[in-house]
Amino acid sequence: MTIKLVFLGRLEDVAGAGERQVTGAKCIDEIFAGLEPELAEALRAPRVKLAVNGILLQDRDAPVLKDGDEIAFLPPVSGG
């Protein structure tokens, strides 16, 4: 099973790329466990939002992932 991760904004800098593929993960926690600790910590931040296949999630623990899914990580937006 392959999942595409998309990192937006400052999360792209932490990840070192805008996208990444992961294999074998069936849930969000398994994805985080396979990432570098600094990146996993940044993605777990309370204000980081998740979108699976373009749908913004309200509950991070809810999605059951399928082969080919895309998860986008959206950092908090600031303006000025």
PDB file of N, CA and C in Angstrom:
ATOM      1  N   MET A   1       0.849  -1.170   0.000  1.00  0.00           N
ATOM      2  CA  MET A   1       0.000   0.000   0.000  1.00  0.00           C
ATOM      3  C   MET A   1       0.896   1.235   0.000  1.00  0.00           C
ATOM      4  N   THR A   2       0.612   2.176  -0.896  1.00  0.00           N
ATOM      5  CA  THR A   2       1.392   3.402  -1.020  1.00  0.00           C
ATOM      6  C   THR A   2       0.499   4.603  -0.746  1.00  0.00           C
ATOM      7  N   ILE A   3       0.983   5.497   0.112  1.00  0.00           N
ATOM      8  CA  ILE A   3       0.282   6.732   0.462  1.00  0.00           C
ATOM      9  C   ILE A   3       1.174   7.907   0.060  1.00  0.00           C
ATOM     10  N   LYS A   4       0.576   8.901  -0.547  1.00  0.00           N
ATOM     11  CA  LYS A   4       1.316  10.114  -0.920  1.00  0.00           C
ATOM     12  C   LYS A   4       1.114  11.161   0.170  1.00  0.00           C
ATOM     13  N   LEU A   5       2.213  11.695   0.693  1.00  0.00           N
ATOM     14  CA  LEU A   5       2.165  12.767   1.678  1.00  0.00           C
ATOM     15  C   LEU A   5       2.511  14.075   0.981  1.00  0.00           C
ATOM     16  N   VAL A   6       1.750  15.119   1.269  1.00  0.00           N
ATOM     17  CA  VAL A   6       1.989  16.441   0.709  1.00  0.00           C
ATOM     18  C   VAL A   6       2.187  17.404   1.874  1.00  0.00           C
ATOM     19  N   PHE A   7       3.298  18.138   1.848  1.00  0.00           N
ATOM     20  CA  PHE A   7       3.636  19.075   2.916  1.00  0.00           C
ATOM     21  C   PHE A   7       3.526  20.493   2.370  1.00  0.00           C
ATOM     22  N   LEU A   8       2.747  21.322   3.031  1.00  0.00           N
ATOM     23  CA  LEU A   8       2.535  22.684   2.575  1.00  0.00           C
ATOM     24  C   LEU A   8       3.188  23.686   3.525  1.00  0.00           C
ATOM     25  N   GLY A   9       3.483  24.855   2.989  1.00  0.00           N
ATOM     26  CA  GLY A   9       4.037  25.942   3.797  1.00  0.00           C
ATOM     27  C   GLY A   9       5.341  25.559   4.473  1.00  0.00           C
ATOM     28  N   ARG A  10       5.478  25.948   5.731  1.00  0.00           N
ATOM     29  CA  ARG A  10       6.715  25.695   6.478  1.00  0.00           C
ATOM     30  C   ARG A  10       6.975  24.201   6.682  1.00  0.00           C
ATOM     31  N   LEU A  11       5.928  23.379   6.578  1.00  0.00           N
ATOM     32  CA  LEU A  11       6.103  21.931   6.744  1.00  0.00           C
ATOM     33  C   LEU A  11       6.938  21.350   5.603  1.00  0.00           C
ATOM     34  N   GLU A  12       6.877  21.978   4.440  1.00  0.00           N
ATOM     35  CA  GLU A  12       7.711  21.543   3.323  1.00  0.00           C
ATOM     36  C   GLU A  12       9.189  21.723   3.672  1.00  0.00           C
ATOM     37  N   ASP A  13       9.512  22.811   4.349  1.00  0.00           N
ATOM     38  CA  ASP A  13      10.897  23.046   4.765  1.00  0.00           C
ATOM     39  C   ASP A  13      11.359  21.989   5.766  1.00  0.00           C
ATOM     40  N   VAL A  14      10.500  21.648   6.712  1.00  0.00           N
ATOM     41  CA  VAL A  14      10.852  20.640   7.723  1.00  0.00           C
ATOM     42  C   VAL A  14      11.032  19.273   7.062  1.00  0.00           C
ATOM     43  N   ALA A  15      10.158  18.950   6.091  1.00  0.00           N
ATOM     44  CA  ALA A  15      10.210  17.650   5.409  1.00  0.00           C
ATOM     45  C   ALA A  15      11.357  17.571   4.410  1.00  0.00           C
ATOM     46  N   GLY A  16      11.811  18.721   3.929  1.00  0.00           N
ATOM     47  CA  GLY A  16      12.876  18.729   2.936  1.00  0.00           C
ATOM     48  C   GLY A  16      12.380  18.538   1.518  1.00  0.00           C
ATOM     49  N   ALA A  17      11.076  18.450   1.343  1.00  0.00           N
ATOM     50  CA  ALA A  17      10.456  18.289   0.020  1.00  0.00           C
ATOM     51  C   ALA A  17       8.964  18.563   0.154  1.00  0.00           C
ATOM     52  N   GLY A  18       8.320  18.822  -0.951  1.00  0.00           N
ATOM     53  CA  GLY A  18       6.886  19.075  -0.935  1.00  0.00           C
ATOM     54  C   GLY A  18       6.044  17.819  -0.887  1.00  0.00           C
ATOM     55  N   GLU A  19       6.623  16.699  -1.317  1.00  0.00           N
ATOM     56  CA  GLU A  19       5.884  15.436  -1.357  1.00  0.00           C
ATOM     57  C   GLU A  19       6.789  14.292  -0.953  1.00  0.00           C
ATOM     58  N   ARG A  20       6.151  13.212  -0.515  1.00  0.00           N
ATOM     59  CA  ARG A  20       6.871  12.002  -0.140  1.00  0.00           C
ATOM     60  C   ARG A  20       5.907  10.820  -0.259  1.00  0.00           C
ATOM     61  N   GLN A  21       6.415   9.677  -0.623  1.00  0.00           N
ATOM     62  CA  GLN A  21       5.624   8.438  -0.681  1.00  0.00           C
ATOM     63  C   GLN A  21       5.985   7.558   0.508  1.00  0.00           C
ATOM     64  N   VAL A  22       4.985   6.964   1.134  1.00  0.00           N
ATOM     65  CA  VAL A  22       5.241   5.984   2.190  1.00  0.00           C
ATOM     66  C   VAL A  22       4.502   4.700   1.825  1.00  0.00           C
ATOM     67  N   THR A  23       5.073   3.582   2.235  1.00  0.00           N
ATOM     68  CA  THR A  23       4.432   2.295   1.938  1.00  0.00           C
ATOM     69  C   THR A  23       4.187   1.527   3.222  1.00  0.00           C
ATOM     70  N   GLY A  24       3.141   0.736   3.211  1.00  0.00           N
ATOM     71  CA  GLY A  24       2.867  -0.174   4.310  1.00  0.00           C
ATOM     72  C   GLY A  24       2.096   0.410   5.474  1.00  0.00           C
ATOM     73  N   ALA A  25       1.905   1.709   5.547  1.00  0.00           N
ATOM     74  CA  ALA A  25       1.195   2.321   6.674  1.00  0.00           C
ATOM     75  C   ALA A  25      -0.313   2.218   6.460  1.00  0.00           C
ATOM     76  N   LYS A  26      -1.022   1.828   7.512  1.00  0.00           N
ATOM     77  CA  LYS A  26      -2.471   1.685   7.421  1.00  0.00           C
ATOM     78  C   LYS A  26      -3.224   2.769   8.173  1.00  0.00           C
ATOM     79  N   CYS A  27      -2.492   3.566   8.986  1.00  0.00           N
ATOM     80  CA  CYS A  27      -3.126   4.633   9.744  1.00  0.00           C
ATOM     81  C   CYS A  27      -2.132   5.777   9.934  1.00  0.00           C
ATOM     82  N   ILE A  28      -2.636   6.893  10.397  1.00  0.00           N
ATOM     83  CA  ILE A  28      -1.815   8.091  10.586  1.00  0.00           C
ATOM     84  C   ILE A  28      -0.667   7.820  11.558  1.00  0.00           C
ATOM     85  N   ASP A  29      -0.934   7.125  12.652  1.00  0.00           N
ATOM     86  CA  ASP A  29       0.118   6.853  13.635  1.00  0.00           C
ATOM     87  C   ASP A  29       1.261   6.041  13.027  1.00  0.00           C
ATOM     88  N   GLU A  30       0.961   5.102  12.152  1.00  0.00           N
ATOM     89  CA  GLU A  30       2.011   4.325  11.487  1.00  0.00           C
ATOM     90  C   GLU A  30       2.831   5.208  10.550  1.00  0.00           C
ATOM     91  N   ILE A  31       2.182   6.162   9.925  1.00  0.00           N
ATOM     92  CA  ILE A  31       2.913   7.102   9.065  1.00  0.00           C
ATOM     93  C   ILE A  31       3.872   7.927   9.914  1.00  0.00           C
ATOM     94  N   PHE A  32       3.371   8.492  11.013  1.00  0.00           N
ATOM     95  CA  PHE A  32       4.217   9.298  11.893  1.00  0.00           C
ATOM     96  C   PHE A  32       5.390   8.482  12.428  1.00  0.00           C
ATOM     97  N   ALA A  33       5.158   7.228  12.763  1.00  0.00           N
ATOM     98  CA  ALA A  33       6.214   6.379  13.319  1.00  0.00           C
ATOM     99  C   ALA A  33       7.349   6.154  12.322  1.00  0.00           C
ATOM    100  N   GLY A  34       7.055   6.230  11.027  1.00  0.00           N
ATOM    101  CA  GLY A  34       8.064   5.997  10.009  1.00  0.00           C
ATOM    102  C   GLY A  34       8.809   7.242   9.568  1.00  0.00           C
ATOM    103  N   LEU A  35       8.457   8.393  10.120  1.00  0.00           N
ATOM    104  CA  LEU A  35       9.091   9.654   9.742  1.00  0.00           C
ATOM    105  C   LEU A  35      10.182  10.052  10.725  1.00  0.00           C
ATOM    106  N   GLU A  36      11.013  11.000  10.314  1.00  0.00           N
ATOM    107  CA  GLU A  36      12.018  11.530  11.215  1.00  0.00           C
ATOM    108  C   GLU A  36      11.303  12.174  12.408  1.00  0.00           C
ATOM    109  N   PRO A  37      11.871  12.053  13.602  1.00  0.00           N
ATOM    110  CA  PRO A  37      11.202  12.587  14.806  1.00  0.00           C
ATOM    111  C   PRO A  37      10.837  14.069  14.696  1.00  0.00           C
ATOM    112  N   GLU A  38      11.714  14.889  14.134  1.00  0.00           N
ATOM    113  CA  GLU A  38      11.433  16.326  14.026  1.00  0.00           C
ATOM    114  C   GLU A  38      10.225  16.581  13.119  1.00  0.00           C
ATOM    115  N   LEU A  39      10.141  15.855  12.014  1.00  0.00           N
ATOM    116  CA  LEU A  39       9.019  16.019  11.097  1.00  0.00           C
ATOM    117  C   LEU A  39       7.735  15.502  11.734  1.00  0.00           C
ATOM    118  N   ALA A  40       7.782  14.334  12.348  1.00  0.00           N
ATOM    119  CA  ALA A  40       6.592  13.771  13.000  1.00  0.00           C
ATOM    120  C   ALA A  40       6.053  14.725  14.062  1.00  0.00           C
ATOM    121  N   GLU A  41       6.945  15.331  14.830  1.00  0.00           N
ATOM    122  CA  GLU A  41       6.526  16.277  15.870  1.00  0.00           C
ATOM    123  C   GLU A  41       5.847  17.496  15.243  1.00  0.00           C
ATOM    124  N   ALA A  42       6.418  18.018  14.163  1.00  0.00           N
ATOM    125  CA  ALA A  42       5.829  19.170  13.489  1.00  0.00           C
ATOM    126  C   ALA A  42       4.442  18.836  12.936  1.00  0.00           C
ATOM    127  N   LEU A  43       4.273  17.639  12.400  1.00  0.00           N
ATOM    128  CA  LEU A  43       2.983  17.246  11.821  1.00  0.00           C
ATOM    129  C   LEU A  43       1.932  16.973  12.886  1.00  0.00           C
ATOM    130  N   ARG A  44       2.353  16.602  14.077  1.00  0.00           N
ATOM    131  CA  ARG A  44       1.422  16.339  15.183  1.00  0.00           C
ATOM    132  C   ARG A  44       0.964  17.606  15.901  1.00  0.00           C
ATOM    133  N   ALA A  45       1.546  18.742  15.574  1.00  0.00           N
ATOM    134  CA  ALA A  45       1.172  19.994  16.238  1.00  0.00           C
ATOM    135  C   ALA A  45      -0.340  20.191  16.161  1.00  0.00           C
ATOM    136  N   PRO A  46      -0.940  20.670  17.239  1.00  0.00           N
ATOM    137  CA  PRO A  46      -2.404  20.772  17.296  1.00  0.00           C
ATOM    138  C   PRO A  46      -3.029  21.638  16.203  1.00  0.00           C
ATOM    139  N   ARG A  47      -2.304  22.620  15.710  1.00  0.00           N
ATOM    140  CA  ARG A  47      -2.890  23.523  14.714  1.00  0.00           C
ATOM    141  C   ARG A  47      -2.656  23.067  13.280  1.00  0.00           C
ATOM    142  N   VAL A  48      -1.924  21.985  13.076  1.00  0.00           N
ATOM    143  CA  VAL A  48      -1.722  21.444  11.727  1.00  0.00           C
ATOM    144  C   VAL A  48      -2.972  20.653  11.338  1.00  0.00           C
ATOM    145  N   LYS A  49      -3.527  20.985  10.186  1.00  0.00           N
ATOM    146  CA  LYS A  49      -4.728  20.311   9.683  1.00  0.00           C
ATOM    147  C   LYS A  49      -4.340  19.228   8.689  1.00  0.00           C
ATOM    148  N   LEU A  50      -5.207  18.221   8.573  1.00  0.00           N
ATOM    149  CA  LEU A  50      -5.006  17.120   7.634  1.00  0.00           C
ATOM    150  C   LEU A  50      -6.146  17.103   6.626  1.00  0.00           C
ATOM    151  N   ALA A  51      -5.790  16.825   5.381  1.00  0.00           N
ATOM    152  CA  ALA A  51      -6.799  16.595   4.346  1.00  0.00           C
ATOM    153  C   ALA A  51      -6.461  15.273   3.672  1.00  0.00           C
ATOM    154  N   VAL A  52      -7.432  14.387   3.571  1.00  0.00           N
ATOM    155  CA  VAL A  52      -7.251  13.110   2.888  1.00  0.00           C
ATOM    156  C   VAL A  52      -8.037  13.177   1.589  1.00  0.00           C
ATOM    157  N   ASN A  53      -7.305  13.050   0.490  1.00  0.00           N
ATOM    158  CA  ASN A  53      -7.910  13.116  -0.843  1.00  0.00           C
ATOM    159  C   ASN A  53      -8.735  14.390  -1.020  1.00  0.00           C
ATOM    160  N   GLY A  54      -8.205  15.503  -0.494  1.00  0.00           N
ATOM    161  CA  GLY A  54      -8.844  16.800  -0.665  1.00  0.00           C
ATOM    162  C   GLY A  54      -9.937  17.130   0.323  1.00  0.00           C
ATOM    163  N   ILE A  55     -10.218  16.232   1.261  1.00  0.00           N
ATOM    164  CA  ILE A  55     -11.272  16.472   2.249  1.00  0.00           C
ATOM    165  C   ILE A  55     -10.632  16.754   3.600  1.00  0.00           C
ATOM    166  N   LEU A  56     -10.890  17.935   4.147  1.00  0.00           N
ATOM    167  CA  LEU A  56     -10.330  18.340   5.425  1.00  0.00           C
ATOM    168  C   LEU A  56     -10.935  17.496   6.544  1.00  0.00           C
ATOM    169  N   LEU A  57     -10.084  16.935   7.384  1.00  0.00           N
ATOM    170  CA  LEU A  57     -10.548  16.071   8.470  1.00  0.00           C
ATOM    171  C   LEU A  57     -10.787  16.863   9.745  1.00  0.00           C
ATOM    172  N   GLN A  58     -11.782  16.452  10.489  1.00  0.00           N
ATOM    173  CA  GLN A  58     -12.035  17.024  11.809  1.00  0.00           C
ATOM    174  C   GLN A  58     -11.366  16.178  12.887  1.00  0.00           C
ATOM    175  N   ASP A  59     -11.230  14.874  12.628  1.00  0.00           N
ATOM    176  CA  ASP A  59     -10.660  13.933  13.590  1.00  0.00           C
ATOM    177  C   ASP A  59      -9.522  13.182  12.922  1.00  0.00           C
ATOM    178  N   ARG A  60      -8.290  13.405  13.397  1.00  0.00           N
ATOM    179  CA  ARG A  60      -7.110  12.774  12.799  1.00  0.00           C
ATOM    180  C   ARG A  60      -7.121  11.254  12.909  1.00  0.00           C
ATOM    181  N   ASP A  61      -7.775  10.716  13.925  1.00  0.00           N
ATOM    182  CA  ASP A  61      -7.757   9.272  14.139  1.00  0.00           C
ATOM    183  C   ASP A  61      -8.781   8.543  13.274  1.00  0.00           C
ATOM    184  N   ALA A  62      -9.656   9.279  12.627  1.00  0.00           N
ATOM    185  CA  ALA A  62     -10.774   8.670  11.916  1.00  0.00           C
ATOM    186  C   ALA A  62     -10.432   7.977  10.601  1.00  0.00           C
ATOM    187  N   PRO A  63      -9.508   8.495   9.790  1.00  0.00           N
ATOM    188  CA  PRO A  63      -9.406   7.917   8.440  1.00  0.00           C
ATOM    189  C   PRO A  63      -8.837   6.508   8.408  1.00  0.00           C
ATOM    190  N   VAL A  64      -9.471   5.680   7.612  1.00  0.00           N
ATOM    191  CA  VAL A  64      -8.918   4.374   7.276  1.00  0.00           C
ATOM    192  C   VAL A  64      -8.297   4.567   5.905  1.00  0.00           C
ATOM    193  N   LEU A  65      -7.000   4.401   5.838  1.00  0.00           N
ATOM    194  CA  LEU A  65      -6.283   4.702   4.608  1.00  0.00           C
ATOM    195  C   LEU A  65      -6.340   3.553   3.618  1.00  0.00           C
ATOM    196  N   LYS A  66      -6.364   3.927   2.323  1.00  0.00           N
ATOM    197  CA  LYS A  66      -6.387   2.959   1.242  1.00  0.00           C
ATOM    198  C   LYS A  66      -5.208   3.230   0.314  1.00  0.00           C
ATOM    199  N   ASP A  67      -4.824   2.223  -0.424  1.00  0.00           N
ATOM    200  CA  ASP A  67      -3.752   2.360  -1.400  1.00  0.00           C
ATOM    201  C   ASP A  67      -4.051   3.523  -2.341  1.00  0.00           C
ATOM    202  N   GLY A  68      -3.072   4.398  -2.527  1.00  0.00           N
ATOM    203  CA  GLY A  68      -3.222   5.514  -3.436  1.00  0.00           C
ATOM    204  C   GLY A  68      -3.773   6.783  -2.809  1.00  0.00           C
ATOM    205  N   ASP A  69      -4.122   6.749  -1.517  1.00  0.00           N
ATOM    206  CA  ASP A  69      -4.626   7.952  -0.851  1.00  0.00           C
ATOM    207  C   ASP A  69      -3.552   9.028  -0.806  1.00  0.00           C
ATOM    208  N   GLU A  70      -4.004  10.269  -0.731  1.00  0.00           N
ATOM    209  CA  GLU A  70      -3.110  11.412  -0.575  1.00  0.00           C
ATOM    210  C   GLU A  70      -3.470  12.124   0.726  1.00  0.00           C
ATOM    211  N   ILE A  71      -2.466  12.361   1.555  1.00  0.00           N
ATOM    212  CA  ILE A  71      -2.666  13.104   2.795  1.00  0.00           C
ATOM    213  C   ILE A  71      -1.887  14.406   2.683  1.00  0.00           C
ATOM    214  N   ALA A  72      -2.591  15.520   2.820  1.00  0.00           N
ATOM    215  CA  ALA A  72      -1.952  16.833   2.805  1.00  0.00           C
ATOM    216  C   ALA A  72      -1.918  17.366   4.233  1.00  0.00           C
ATOM    217  N   PHE A  73      -0.779  17.906   4.625  1.00  0.00           N
ATOM    218  CA  PHE A  73      -0.593  18.504   5.940  1.00  0.00           C
ATOM    219  C   PHE A  73      -0.551  20.016   5.757  1.00  0.00           C
ATOM    220  N   LEU A  74      -1.475  20.714   6.400  1.00  0.00           N
ATOM    221  CA  LEU A  74      -1.632  22.159   6.235  1.00  0.00           C
ATOM    222  C   LEU A  74      -1.258  22.863   7.520  1.00  0.00           C
ATOM    223  N   PRO A  75      -0.218  23.700   7.486  1.00  0.00           N
ATOM    224  CA  PRO A  75       0.169  24.417   8.690  1.00  0.00           C
ATOM    225  C   PRO A  75      -0.812  25.550   8.974  1.00  0.00           C
ATOM    226  N   PRO A  76      -0.744  26.108  10.185  1.00  0.00           N
ATOM    227  CA  PRO A  76      -1.602  27.263  10.473  1.00  0.00           C
ATOM    228  C   PRO A  76      -1.270  28.408   9.514  1.00  0.00           C
ATOM    229  N   VAL A  77      -2.274  29.139   9.145  1.00  0.00           N
ATOM    230  CA  VAL A  77      -2.086  30.247   8.224  1.00  0.00           C
ATOM    231  C   VAL A  77      -1.936  31.527   9.039  1.00  0.00           C
ATOM    232  N   SER A  78      -0.952  32.311   8.677  1.00  0.00           N
ATOM    233  CA  SER A  78      -0.805  33.616   9.331  1.00  0.00           C
ATOM    234  C   SER A  78      -0.762  34.670   8.251  1.00  0.00           C
ATOM    235  N   GLY A  79      -1.200  35.821   8.596  1.00  0.00           N
ATOM    236  CA  GLY A  79      -1.228  36.900   7.607  1.00  0.00           C
ATOM    237  C   GLY A  79      -0.796  38.202   8.251  1.00  0.00           C
ATOM    238  N   GLY A  80      -0.685  39.173   7.425  1.00  0.00           N
ATOM    239  CA  GLY A  80      -0.312  40.447   8.009  1.00  0.00           C
ATOM    240  C   GLY A  80      -0.156  41.526   7.008  1.00  0.00           C
TER     241      GLY A  80
END
